[in-house]
Amino acid sequence: MTNMSIFELFIGLTMIVFAFLAIESKKIVNSIIYLSILSMFSVISFIFMRAPDVAITEAVVGSGLVSALFIVTLIMINKKVGDKK
């Protein structure tokens, strides 16, 4: 087993850990953060698979845009719940 494949295995296991943390987290904000971290590790794995265009797309859309969309949605939900009280 080469050093690169050991590092790829580490990245894969770390992605699994962050996926479980995103699912099992009690706070939604923490889940969003864990999903963003998971997406960044997938960017690294795409780079190892020699797919830089997919990695750039995942970094922009998966980690940046989707995380921002989730946070804005969470803020809007909290505003609506606060207005009804």
PDB file of N, CA and C in Angstrom:
ATOM      1  N   MET A   1       0.851  -1.175   0.000  1.00  0.00           N
ATOM      2  CA  MET A   1       0.000   0.000   0.000  1.00  0.00           C
ATOM      3  C   MET A   1       0.894   1.233   0.000  1.00  0.00           C
ATOM      4  N   THR A   2       0.673   2.107  -0.935  1.00  0.00           N
ATOM      5  CA  THR A   2       1.521   3.287  -1.040  1.00  0.00           C
ATOM      6  C   THR A   2       1.055   4.363  -0.064  1.00  0.00           C
ATOM      7  N   ASN A   3       1.909   5.362   0.082  1.00  0.00           N
ATOM      8  CA  ASN A   3       1.562   6.461   0.979  1.00  0.00           C
ATOM      9  C   ASN A   3       0.336   7.211   0.492  1.00  0.00           C
ATOM     10  N   MET A   4       0.191   7.338  -0.834  1.00  0.00           N
ATOM     11  CA  MET A   4      -0.960   8.066  -1.372  1.00  0.00           C
ATOM     12  C   MET A   4      -2.246   7.315  -1.093  1.00  0.00           C
ATOM     13  N   SER A   5      -2.252   6.000  -1.223  1.00  0.00           N
ATOM     14  CA  SER A   5      -3.490   5.266  -0.983  1.00  0.00           C
ATOM     15  C   SER A   5      -3.841   5.254   0.511  1.00  0.00           C
ATOM     16  N   ILE A   6      -2.844   5.299   1.368  1.00  0.00           N
ATOM     17  CA  ILE A   6      -3.129   5.407   2.803  1.00  0.00           C
ATOM     18  C   ILE A   6      -3.783   6.754   3.099  1.00  0.00           C
ATOM     19  N   PHE A   7      -3.292   7.803   2.471  1.00  0.00           N
ATOM     20  CA  PHE A   7      -3.892   9.123   2.662  1.00  0.00           C
ATOM     21  C   PHE A   7      -5.310   9.165   2.096  1.00  0.00           C
ATOM     22  N   GLU A   8      -5.517   8.519   0.941  1.00  0.00           N
ATOM     23  CA  GLU A   8      -6.867   8.454   0.374  1.00  0.00           C
ATOM     24  C   GLU A   8      -7.813   7.682   1.288  1.00  0.00           C
ATOM     25  N   LEU A   9      -7.315   6.620   1.887  1.00  0.00           N
ATOM     26  CA  LEU A   9      -8.122   5.847   2.840  1.00  0.00           C
ATOM     27  C   LEU A   9      -8.469   6.703   4.055  1.00  0.00           C
ATOM     28  N   PHE A  10      -7.513   7.491   4.532  1.00  0.00           N
ATOM     29  CA  PHE A  10      -7.765   8.401   5.651  1.00  0.00           C
ATOM     30  C   PHE A  10      -8.835   9.431   5.287  1.00  0.00           C
ATOM     31  N   ILE A  11      -8.748   9.969   4.082  1.00  0.00           N
ATOM     32  CA  ILE A  11      -9.751  10.948   3.631  1.00  0.00           C
ATOM     33  C   ILE A  11     -11.128  10.290   3.570  1.00  0.00           C
ATOM     34  N   GLY A  12     -11.196   9.075   3.064  1.00  0.00           N
ATOM     35  CA  GLY A  12     -12.477   8.383   2.980  1.00  0.00           C
ATOM     36  C   GLY A  12     -13.085   8.108   4.344  1.00  0.00           C
ATOM     37  N   LEU A  13     -12.247   7.656   5.275  1.00  0.00           N
ATOM     38  CA  LEU A  13     -12.752   7.396   6.627  1.00  0.00           C
ATOM     39  C   LEU A  13     -13.183   8.684   7.325  1.00  0.00           C
ATOM     40  N   THR A  14     -12.441   9.749   7.098  1.00  0.00           N
ATOM     41  CA  THR A  14     -12.810  11.037   7.679  1.00  0.00           C
ATOM     42  C   THR A  14     -14.141  11.527   7.115  1.00  0.00           C
ATOM     43  N   MET A  15     -14.366  11.286   5.839  1.00  0.00           N
ATOM     44  CA  MET A  15     -15.647  11.664   5.232  1.00  0.00           C
ATOM     45  C   MET A  15     -16.799  10.895   5.869  1.00  0.00           C
ATOM     46  N   ILE A  16     -16.572   9.612   6.154  1.00  0.00           N
ATOM     47  CA  ILE A  16     -17.619   8.808   6.795  1.00  0.00           C
ATOM     48  C   ILE A  16     -17.915   9.343   8.192  1.00  0.00           C
ATOM     49  N   VAL A  17     -16.866   9.716   8.926  1.00  0.00           N
ATOM     50  CA  VAL A  17     -17.062  10.251  10.274  1.00  0.00           C
ATOM     51  C   VAL A  17     -17.872  11.538  10.235  1.00  0.00           C
ATOM     52  N   PHE A  18     -17.529  12.446   9.307  1.00  0.00           N
ATOM     53  CA  PHE A  18     -18.271  13.705   9.225  1.00  0.00           C
ATOM     54  C   PHE A  18     -19.695  13.492   8.727  1.00  0.00           C
ATOM     55  N   ALA A  19     -19.917  12.478   7.901  1.00  0.00           N
ATOM     56  CA  ALA A  19     -21.290  12.176   7.478  1.00  0.00           C
ATOM     57  C   ALA A  19     -22.127  11.727   8.671  1.00  0.00           C
ATOM     58  N   PHE A  20     -21.568  10.853   9.518  1.00  0.00           N
ATOM     59  CA  PHE A  20     -22.299  10.425  10.719  1.00  0.00           C
ATOM     60  C   PHE A  20     -22.515  11.593  11.680  1.00  0.00           C
ATOM     61  N   LEU A  21     -21.514  12.460  11.816  1.00  0.00           N
ATOM     62  CA  LEU A  21     -21.684  13.630  12.685  1.00  0.00           C
ATOM     63  C   LEU A  21     -22.785  14.551  12.161  1.00  0.00           C
ATOM     64  N   ALA A  22     -22.868  14.714  10.849  1.00  0.00           N
ATOM     65  CA  ALA A  22     -23.918  15.552  10.271  1.00  0.00           C
ATOM     66  C   ALA A  22     -25.293  14.954  10.507  1.00  0.00           C
ATOM     67  N   ILE A  23     -25.390  13.651  10.468  1.00  0.00           N
ATOM     68  CA  ILE A  23     -26.689  12.994  10.679  1.00  0.00           C
ATOM     69  C   ILE A  23     -27.070  13.017  12.150  1.00  0.00           C
ATOM     70  N   GLU A  24     -26.134  12.746  13.024  1.00  0.00           N
ATOM     71  CA  GLU A  24     -26.437  12.563  14.440  1.00  0.00           C
ATOM     72  C   GLU A  24     -26.382  13.842  15.265  1.00  0.00           C
ATOM     73  N   SER A  25     -25.994  14.960  14.677  1.00  0.00           N
ATOM     74  CA  SER A  25     -25.889  16.202  15.434  1.00  0.00           C
ATOM     75  C   SER A  25     -27.271  16.691  15.860  1.00  0.00           C
ATOM     76  N   LYS A  26     -27.351  17.211  17.065  1.00  0.00           N
ATOM     77  CA  LYS A  26     -28.628  17.699  17.590  1.00  0.00           C
ATOM     78  C   LYS A  26     -28.965  19.101  17.089  1.00  0.00           C
ATOM     79  N   LYS A  27     -27.942  19.901  16.806  1.00  0.00           N
ATOM     80  CA  LYS A  27     -28.166  21.263  16.311  1.00  0.00           C
ATOM     81  C   LYS A  27     -28.024  21.293  14.792  1.00  0.00           C
ATOM     82  N   ILE A  28     -28.940  22.005  14.153  1.00  0.00           N
ATOM     83  CA  ILE A  28     -28.937  22.060  12.691  1.00  0.00           C
ATOM     84  C   ILE A  28     -27.719  22.824  12.174  1.00  0.00           C
ATOM     85  N   VAL A  29     -27.301  23.851  12.896  1.00  0.00           N
ATOM     86  CA  VAL A  29     -26.129  24.628  12.474  1.00  0.00           C
ATOM     87  C   VAL A  29     -24.886  23.735  12.450  1.00  0.00           C
ATOM     88  N   ASN A  30     -24.750  22.887  13.455  1.00  0.00           N
ATOM     89  CA  ASN A  30     -23.609  21.969  13.469  1.00  0.00           C
ATOM     90  C   ASN A  30     -23.681  20.990  12.297  1.00  0.00           C
ATOM     91  N   SER A  31     -24.875  20.537  11.971  1.00  0.00           N
ATOM     92  CA  SER A  31     -25.021  19.633  10.826  1.00  0.00           C
ATOM     93  C   SER A  31     -24.604  20.311   9.528  1.00  0.00           C
ATOM     94  N   ILE A  32     -24.950  21.576   9.379  1.00  0.00           N
ATOM     95  CA  ILE A  32     -24.559  22.318   8.175  1.00  0.00           C
ATOM     96  C   ILE A  32     -23.039  22.447   8.110  1.00  0.00           C
ATOM     97  N   ILE A  33     -22.419  22.729   9.239  1.00  0.00           N
ATOM     98  CA  ILE A  33     -20.959  22.844   9.276  1.00  0.00           C
ATOM     99  C   ILE A  33     -20.305  21.512   8.934  1.00  0.00           C
ATOM    100  N   TYR A  34     -20.823  20.431   9.492  1.00  0.00           N
ATOM    101  CA  TYR A  34     -20.257  19.105   9.189  1.00  0.00           C
ATOM    102  C   TYR A  34     -20.442  18.750   7.715  1.00  0.00           C
ATOM    103  N   LEU A  35     -21.577  19.114   7.128  1.00  0.00           N
ATOM    104  CA  LEU A  35     -21.781  18.862   5.701  1.00  0.00           C
ATOM    105  C   LEU A  35     -20.804  19.665   4.846  1.00  0.00           C
ATOM    106  N   SER A  36     -20.525  20.887   5.262  1.00  0.00           N
ATOM    107  CA  SER A  36     -19.561  21.698   4.526  1.00  0.00           C
ATOM    108  C   SER A  36     -18.161  21.092   4.603  1.00  0.00           C
ATOM    109  N   ILE A  37     -17.798  20.614   5.786  1.00  0.00           N
ATOM    110  CA  ILE A  37     -16.490  19.965   5.937  1.00  0.00           C
ATOM    111  C   ILE A  37     -16.428  18.688   5.098  1.00  0.00           C
ATOM    112  N   LEU A  38     -17.519  17.928   5.105  1.00  0.00           N
ATOM    113  CA  LEU A  38     -17.590  16.719   4.286  1.00  0.00           C
ATOM    114  C   LEU A  38     -17.404  17.046   2.809  1.00  0.00           C
ATOM    115  N   SER A  39     -18.005  18.132   2.382  1.00  0.00           N
ATOM    116  CA  SER A  39     -17.876  18.540   0.988  1.00  0.00           C
ATOM    117  C   SER A  39     -16.436  18.928   0.665  1.00  0.00           C
ATOM    118  N   MET A  40     -15.768  19.582   1.594  1.00  0.00           N
ATOM    119  CA  MET A  40     -14.373  19.951   1.346  1.00  0.00           C
ATOM    120  C   MET A  40     -13.468  18.714   1.262  1.00  0.00           C
ATOM    121  N   PHE A  41     -13.759  17.694   2.069  1.00  0.00           N
ATOM    122  CA  PHE A  41     -12.981  16.462   1.947  1.00  0.00           C
ATOM    123  C   PHE A  41     -13.266  15.751   0.624  1.00  0.00           C
ATOM    124  N   SER A  42     -14.495  15.883   0.127  1.00  0.00           N
ATOM    125  CA  SER A  42     -14.783  15.292  -1.176  1.00  0.00           C
ATOM    126  C   SER A  42     -14.036  16.037  -2.286  1.00  0.00           C
ATOM    127  N   VAL A  43     -13.812  17.339  -2.084  1.00  0.00           N
ATOM    128  CA  VAL A  43     -12.993  18.092  -3.042  1.00  0.00           C
ATOM    129  C   VAL A  43     -11.582  17.503  -3.093  1.00  0.00           C
ATOM    130  N   ILE A  44     -11.040  17.199  -1.917  1.00  0.00           N
ATOM    131  CA  ILE A  44      -9.693  16.605  -1.869  1.00  0.00           C
ATOM    132  C   ILE A  44      -9.680  15.250  -2.560  1.00  0.00           C
ATOM    133  N   SER A  45     -10.728  14.455  -2.329  1.00  0.00           N
ATOM    134  CA  SER A  45     -10.767  13.139  -2.966  1.00  0.00           C
ATOM    135  C   SER A  45     -10.917  13.256  -4.485  1.00  0.00           C
ATOM    136  N   PHE A  46     -11.655  14.264  -4.961  1.00  0.00           N
ATOM    137  CA  PHE A  46     -11.753  14.470  -6.409  1.00  0.00           C
ATOM    138  C   PHE A  46     -10.407  14.872  -6.988  1.00  0.00           C
ATOM    139  N   ILE A  47      -9.631  15.626  -6.244  1.00  0.00           N
ATOM    140  CA  ILE A  47      -8.301  15.998  -6.724  1.00  0.00           C
ATOM    141  C   ILE A  47      -7.420  14.762  -6.845  1.00  0.00           C
ATOM    142  N   PHE A  48      -7.522  13.841  -5.868  1.00  0.00           N
ATOM    143  CA  PHE A  48      -6.748  12.599  -5.949  1.00  0.00           C
ATOM    144  C   PHE A  48      -7.191  11.724  -7.114  1.00  0.00           C
ATOM    145  N   MET A  49      -8.473  11.817  -7.483  1.00  0.00           N
ATOM    146  CA  MET A  49      -8.974  11.051  -8.617  1.00  0.00           C
ATOM    147  C   MET A  49      -8.690  11.740  -9.943  1.00  0.00           C
ATOM    148  N   ARG A  50      -7.922  12.831  -9.886  1.00  0.00           N
ATOM    149  CA  ARG A  50      -7.525  13.601 -11.074  1.00  0.00           C
ATOM    150  C   ARG A  50      -8.740  14.126 -11.848  1.00  0.00           C
ATOM    151  N   ALA A  51      -9.660  14.694 -11.087  1.00  0.00           N
ATOM    152  CA  ALA A  51     -10.825  15.351 -11.692  1.00  0.00           C
ATOM    153  C   ALA A  51     -10.911  16.771 -11.145  1.00  0.00           C
ATOM    154  N   PRO A  52     -10.004  17.644 -11.600  1.00  0.00           N
ATOM    155  CA  PRO A  52      -9.963  18.990 -11.004  1.00  0.00           C
ATOM    156  C   PRO A  52     -11.198  19.829 -11.317  1.00  0.00           C
ATOM    157  N   ASP A  53     -11.809  19.612 -12.481  1.00  0.00           N
ATOM    158  CA  ASP A  53     -13.013  20.388 -12.802  1.00  0.00           C
ATOM    159  C   ASP A  53     -14.180  20.017 -11.887  1.00  0.00           C
ATOM    160  N   VAL A  54     -14.296  18.743 -11.567  1.00  0.00           N
ATOM    161  CA  VAL A  54     -15.340  18.306 -10.637  1.00  0.00           C
ATOM    162  C   VAL A  54     -15.038  18.829  -9.229  1.00  0.00           C
ATOM    163  N   ALA A  55     -13.757  18.862  -8.874  1.00  0.00           N
ATOM    164  CA  ALA A  55     -13.369  19.368  -7.557  1.00  0.00           C
ATOM    165  C   ALA A  55     -13.706  20.844  -7.411  1.00  0.00           C
ATOM    166  N   ILE A  56     -13.444  21.616  -8.456  1.00  0.00           N
ATOM    167  CA  ILE A  56     -13.768  23.045  -8.401  1.00  0.00           C
ATOM    168  C   ILE A  56     -15.276  23.253  -8.296  1.00  0.00           C
ATOM    169  N   THR A  57     -16.025  22.478  -9.055  1.00  0.00           N
ATOM    170  CA  THR A  57     -17.486  22.588  -8.997  1.00  0.00           C
ATOM    171  C   THR A  57     -18.008  22.202  -7.625  1.00  0.00           C
ATOM    172  N   GLU A  58     -17.469  21.137  -7.054  1.00  0.00           N
ATOM    173  CA  GLU A  58     -17.895  20.706  -5.721  1.00  0.00           C
ATOM    174  C   GLU A  58     -17.538  21.757  -4.675  1.00  0.00           C
ATOM    175  N   ALA A  59     -16.367  22.386  -4.823  1.00  0.00           N
ATOM    176  CA  ALA A  59     -15.971  23.418  -3.856  1.00  0.00           C
ATOM    177  C   ALA A  59     -16.910  24.610  -3.915  1.00  0.00           C
ATOM    178  N   VAL A  60     -17.270  25.023  -5.125  1.00  0.00           N
ATOM    179  CA  VAL A  60     -18.123  26.203  -5.274  1.00  0.00           C
ATOM    180  C   VAL A  60     -19.565  25.884  -4.902  1.00  0.00           C
ATOM    181  N   VAL A  61     -20.097  24.826  -5.473  1.00  0.00           N
ATOM    182  CA  VAL A  61     -21.516  24.518  -5.275  1.00  0.00           C
ATOM    183  C   VAL A  61     -21.739  23.767  -3.964  1.00  0.00           C
ATOM    184  N   GLY A  62     -21.035  22.667  -3.775  1.00  0.00           N
ATOM    185  CA  GLY A  62     -21.294  21.819  -2.617  1.00  0.00           C
ATOM    186  C   GLY A  62     -20.910  22.447  -1.299  1.00  0.00           C
ATOM    187  N   SER A  63     -19.762  23.034  -1.253  1.00  0.00           N
ATOM    188  CA  SER A  63     -19.305  23.585   0.012  1.00  0.00           C
ATOM    189  C   SER A  63     -19.755  25.023   0.221  1.00  0.00           C
ATOM    190  N   GLY A  64     -19.716  25.818  -0.823  1.00  0.00           N
ATOM    191  CA  GLY A  64     -20.042  27.226  -0.654  1.00  0.00           C
ATOM    192  C   GLY A  64     -21.503  27.553  -0.801  1.00  0.00           C
ATOM    193  N   LEU A  65     -22.047  27.295  -1.966  1.00  0.00           N
ATOM    194  CA  LEU A  65     -23.412  27.728  -2.284  1.00  0.00           C
ATOM    195  C   LEU A  65     -24.459  26.982  -1.459  1.00  0.00           C
ATOM    196  N   VAL A  66     -24.328  25.681  -1.358  1.00  0.00           N
ATOM    197  CA  VAL A  66     -25.322  24.895  -0.611  1.00  0.00           C
ATOM    198  C   VAL A  66     -25.275  25.236   0.876  1.00  0.00           C
ATOM    199  N   SER A  67     -24.082  25.407   1.414  1.00  0.00           N
ATOM    200  CA  SER A  67     -23.981  25.774   2.833  1.00  0.00           C
ATOM    201  C   SER A  67     -24.598  27.144   3.086  1.00  0.00           C
ATOM    202  N   ALA A  68     -24.333  28.087   2.202  1.00  0.00           N
ATOM    203  CA  ALA A  68     -24.931  29.418   2.349  1.00  0.00           C
ATOM    204  C   ALA A  68     -26.451  29.350   2.233  1.00  0.00           C
ATOM    205  N   LEU A  69     -26.943  28.543   1.300  1.00  0.00           N
ATOM    206  CA  LEU A  69     -28.388  28.388   1.133  1.00  0.00           C
ATOM    207  C   LEU A  69     -29.023  27.786   2.385  1.00  0.00           C
ATOM    208  N   PHE A  70     -28.373  26.783   2.969  1.00  0.00           N
ATOM    209  CA  PHE A  70     -28.897  26.168   4.196  1.00  0.00           C
ATOM    210  C   PHE A  70     -28.924  27.175   5.348  1.00  0.00           C
ATOM    211  N   ILE A  71     -27.875  27.970   5.479  1.00  0.00           N
ATOM    212  CA  ILE A  71     -27.813  28.934   6.582  1.00  0.00           C
ATOM    213  C   ILE A  71     -28.859  30.025   6.402  1.00  0.00           C
ATOM    214  N   VAL A  72     -29.020  30.528   5.177  1.00  0.00           N
ATOM    215  CA  VAL A  72     -30.048  31.554   4.921  1.00  0.00           C
ATOM    216  C   VAL A  72     -31.438  30.986   5.188  1.00  0.00           C
ATOM    217  N   THR A  73     -31.677  29.763   4.767  1.00  0.00           N
ATOM    218  CA  THR A  73     -32.973  29.130   5.024  1.00  0.00           C
ATOM    219  C   THR A  73     -33.214  28.968   6.514  1.00  0.00           C
ATOM    220  N   LEU A  74     -32.209  28.571   7.238  1.00  0.00           N
ATOM    221  CA  LEU A  74     -32.347  28.412   8.691  1.00  0.00           C
ATOM    222  C   LEU A  74     -32.642  29.754   9.359  1.00  0.00           C
ATOM    223  N   ILE A  75     -31.982  30.818   8.909  1.00  0.00           N
ATOM    224  CA  ILE A  75     -32.249  32.157   9.469  1.00  0.00           C
ATOM    225  C   ILE A  75     -33.675  32.588   9.164  1.00  0.00           C
ATOM    226  N   MET A  76     -34.142  32.336   7.943  1.00  0.00           N
ATOM    227  CA  MET A  76     -35.513  32.729   7.581  1.00  0.00           C
ATOM    228  C   MET A  76     -36.547  31.929   8.370  1.00  0.00           C
ATOM    229  N   ILE A  77     -36.285  30.670   8.610  1.00  0.00           N
ATOM    230  CA  ILE A  77     -37.208  29.853   9.415  1.00  0.00           C
ATOM    231  C   ILE A  77     -37.263  30.389  10.839  1.00  0.00           C
ATOM    232  N   ASN A  78     -36.112  30.724  11.394  1.00  0.00           N
ATOM    233  CA  ASN A  78     -36.087  31.261  12.758  1.00  0.00           C
ATOM    234  C   ASN A  78     -36.803  32.607  12.847  1.00  0.00           C
ATOM    235  N   LYS A  79     -36.711  33.432  11.780  1.00  0.00           N
ATOM    236  CA  LYS A  79     -37.427  34.712  11.767  1.00  0.00           C
ATOM    237  C   LYS A  79     -38.931  34.492  11.773  1.00  0.00           C
ATOM    238  N   LYS A  80     -39.411  33.546  10.958  1.00  0.00           N
ATOM    239  CA  LYS A  80     -40.849  33.283  10.883  1.00  0.00           C
ATOM    240  C   LYS A  80     -41.365  32.725  12.198  1.00  0.00           C
ATOM    241  N   VAL A  81     -40.601  31.871  12.833  1.00  0.00           N
ATOM    242  CA  VAL A  81     -41.010  31.309  14.124  1.00  0.00           C
ATOM    243  C   VAL A  81     -41.025  32.415  15.167  1.00  0.00           C
ATOM    244  N   GLY A  82     -40.068  33.348  15.104  1.00  0.00           N
ATOM    245  CA  GLY A  82     -40.020  34.457  16.043  1.00  0.00           C
ATOM    246  C   GLY A  82     -41.161  35.444  15.846  1.00  0.00           C
ATOM    247  N   ASP A  83     -41.620  35.622  14.580  1.00  0.00           N
ATOM    248  CA  ASP A  83     -42.739  36.528  14.312  1.00  0.00           C
ATOM    249  C   ASP A  83     -44.055  36.000  14.855  1.00  0.00           C
ATOM    250  N   LYS A  84     -44.234  34.694  14.850  1.00  0.00           N
ATOM    251  CA  LYS A  84     -45.500  34.102  15.286  1.00  0.00           C
ATOM    252  C   LYS A  84     -45.660  34.097  16.799  1.00  0.00           C
ATOM    253  N   LYS A  85     -44.555  34.256  17.530  1.00  0.00           N
ATOM    254  CA  LYS A  85     -44.652  34.230  19.001  1.00  0.00           C
ATOM    255  C   LYS A  85     -45.257  35.492  19.541  1.00  0.00           C
TER     256      LYS A  85
END
